[in-house]
Amino acid sequence: MSAEDLEKYETEMELHLYREYRDVSRIFKYVVETDRRFYLCNQVDVKARTEQGDVFFEVSMSDAWVWDMYRPARFAKNVKVLTFKDVNVEELAKPDDDPKV
């Protein structure tokens, strides 16, 4: 497989992943972004923990979808992430929340 073939394959996979995200995003309530992954989920809990003076975050999610093109199954019932980096949680606006309506 040439470098060009690999790049074309990865571009197609990324496009497929984006389309899947677009299709499933409306069924989730939250977007969670960590330093390694991007998640959609319906329940999220973030707790700051301290161990030996270091602070880290424990992120627990239920009913989640993971943005990862190399993952064979992107839906997960429960996800737990431990990270020393920032965690961003946003509540998604539902189409009914559209201010133009």
Protein backbone atom coordinates (compact mmCIF):
# COMPACT_ATOMS: atom_id res chain seq x y z
CA MET A 1 0.00 0.00 0.00
CA SER A 2 1.47 3.35 -1.01
CA ALA A 3 1.48 6.47 1.14
CA GLU A 4 -1.06 7.97 -1.25
CA ASP A 5 -3.39 4.96 -0.83
CA LEU A 6 -3.08 5.19 2.95
CA GLU A 7 -3.85 8.90 2.91
CA LYS A 8 -6.90 8.32 0.69
CA TYR A 9 -8.12 5.56 3.02
CA GLU A 10 -7.71 7.76 6.11
CA THR A 11 -9.51 10.64 4.39
CA GLU A 12 -12.43 8.35 3.51
CA MET A 13 -12.56 7.00 7.08
CA GLU A 14 -12.56 10.52 8.51
CA LEU A 15 -15.40 11.53 6.18
CA HIS A 16 -17.38 8.43 7.18
CA LEU A 17 -16.78 9.25 10.86
CA TYR A 18 -17.94 12.84 10.37
CA ARG A 19 -21.13 11.66 8.66
CA GLU A 20 -21.79 9.22 11.49
CA TYR A 21 -21.23 12.00 14.04
CA ARG A 22 -23.67 14.25 12.19
CA ASP A 23 -26.29 11.49 12.14
CA VAL A 24 -26.00 10.48 15.81
CA SER A 25 -25.31 13.83 17.50
CA ARG A 26 -29.02 14.66 17.79
CA ILE A 27 -29.60 11.72 20.17
CA PHE A 28 -27.03 12.89 22.73
CA LYS A 29 -27.16 15.58 25.39
CA TYR A 30 -23.46 16.37 26.00
CA VAL A 31 -20.20 16.82 24.12
CA VAL A 32 -17.11 15.89 26.15
CA GLU A 33 -13.63 16.74 24.94
CA THR A 34 -10.46 15.42 26.56
CA ASP A 35 -6.86 15.68 25.39
CA ARG A 36 -7.16 12.31 23.61
CA ARG A 37 -10.78 11.85 22.54
CA PHE A 38 -14.06 13.50 21.69
CA TYR A 39 -17.29 11.96 23.06
CA LEU A 40 -21.02 12.39 22.77
CA CYS A 41 -23.01 11.13 25.77
CA ASN A 42 -26.27 11.45 27.66
CA GLN A 43 -24.81 11.49 31.18
CA VAL A 44 -21.47 12.84 32.33
CA ASP A 45 -19.85 13.32 35.73
CA VAL A 46 -16.49 15.06 36.18
CA LYS A 47 -14.67 14.84 39.50
CA ALA A 48 -11.39 16.49 40.37
CA ARG A 49 -9.18 14.09 42.34
CA THR A 50 -5.95 14.67 44.22
CA GLU A 51 -3.30 12.05 44.78
CA GLN A 52 0.11 12.82 46.27
CA GLY A 53 -0.38 16.50 45.49
CA ASP A 54 -1.26 15.94 41.81
CA VAL A 55 -4.71 16.89 40.54
CA PHE A 56 -6.40 14.79 37.88
CA PHE A 57 -9.92 14.45 36.53
CA GLU A 58 -12.11 11.37 36.61
CA VAL A 59 -14.73 11.59 33.86
CA SER A 60 -17.56 9.04 33.86
CA MET A 61 -19.96 8.88 30.93
CA SER A 62 -22.99 6.75 30.15
CA ASP A 63 -24.58 6.02 26.80
CA ALA A 64 -21.58 7.32 24.86
CA TRP A 65 -20.32 7.58 21.29
CA VAL A 66 -16.55 7.91 20.78
CA TRP A 67 -14.89 9.85 17.93
CA ASP A 68 -12.21 7.37 16.92
CA MET A 69 -11.93 6.14 13.34
CA TYR A 70 -9.84 3.12 14.32
CA ARG A 71 -12.37 1.82 16.83
CA PRO A 72 -14.58 -0.98 15.46
CA ALA A 73 -17.54 -0.06 17.72
CA ARG A 74 -17.99 3.59 18.63
CA PHE A 75 -20.99 3.17 20.95
CA ALA A 76 -20.20 2.35 24.59
CA LYS A 77 -22.55 1.83 27.52
CA ASN A 78 -20.09 3.25 30.08
CA VAL A 79 -16.82 5.13 29.66
CA LYS A 80 -14.36 6.22 32.34
CA VAL A 81 -11.47 8.55 31.56
CA LEU A 82 -8.66 9.60 33.90
CA THR A 83 -6.66 12.61 32.74
CA PHE A 84 -4.27 15.23 34.06
CA LYS A 85 -5.27 17.58 31.24
CA ASP A 86 -8.28 19.81 30.68
CA VAL A 87 -11.78 18.40 30.20
CA ASN A 88 -14.44 20.36 28.34
CA VAL A 89 -18.13 19.50 28.78
CA GLU A 90 -20.84 21.25 26.78
CA GLU A 91 -24.57 20.67 26.75
CA LEU A 92 -25.86 20.34 23.20
CA ALA A 93 -28.74 22.53 22.08
CA LYS A 94 -31.72 20.54 20.85
CA PRO A 95 -33.46 21.58 17.62
CA ASP A 96 -36.41 22.75 19.79
CA ASP A 97 -33.99 25.19 21.51
CA ASP A 98 -33.30 26.96 18.21
CA PRO A 99 -33.83 30.72 18.86
CA LYS A 100 -34.93 31.30 15.24
CA VAL A 101 -38.08 29.22 15.73
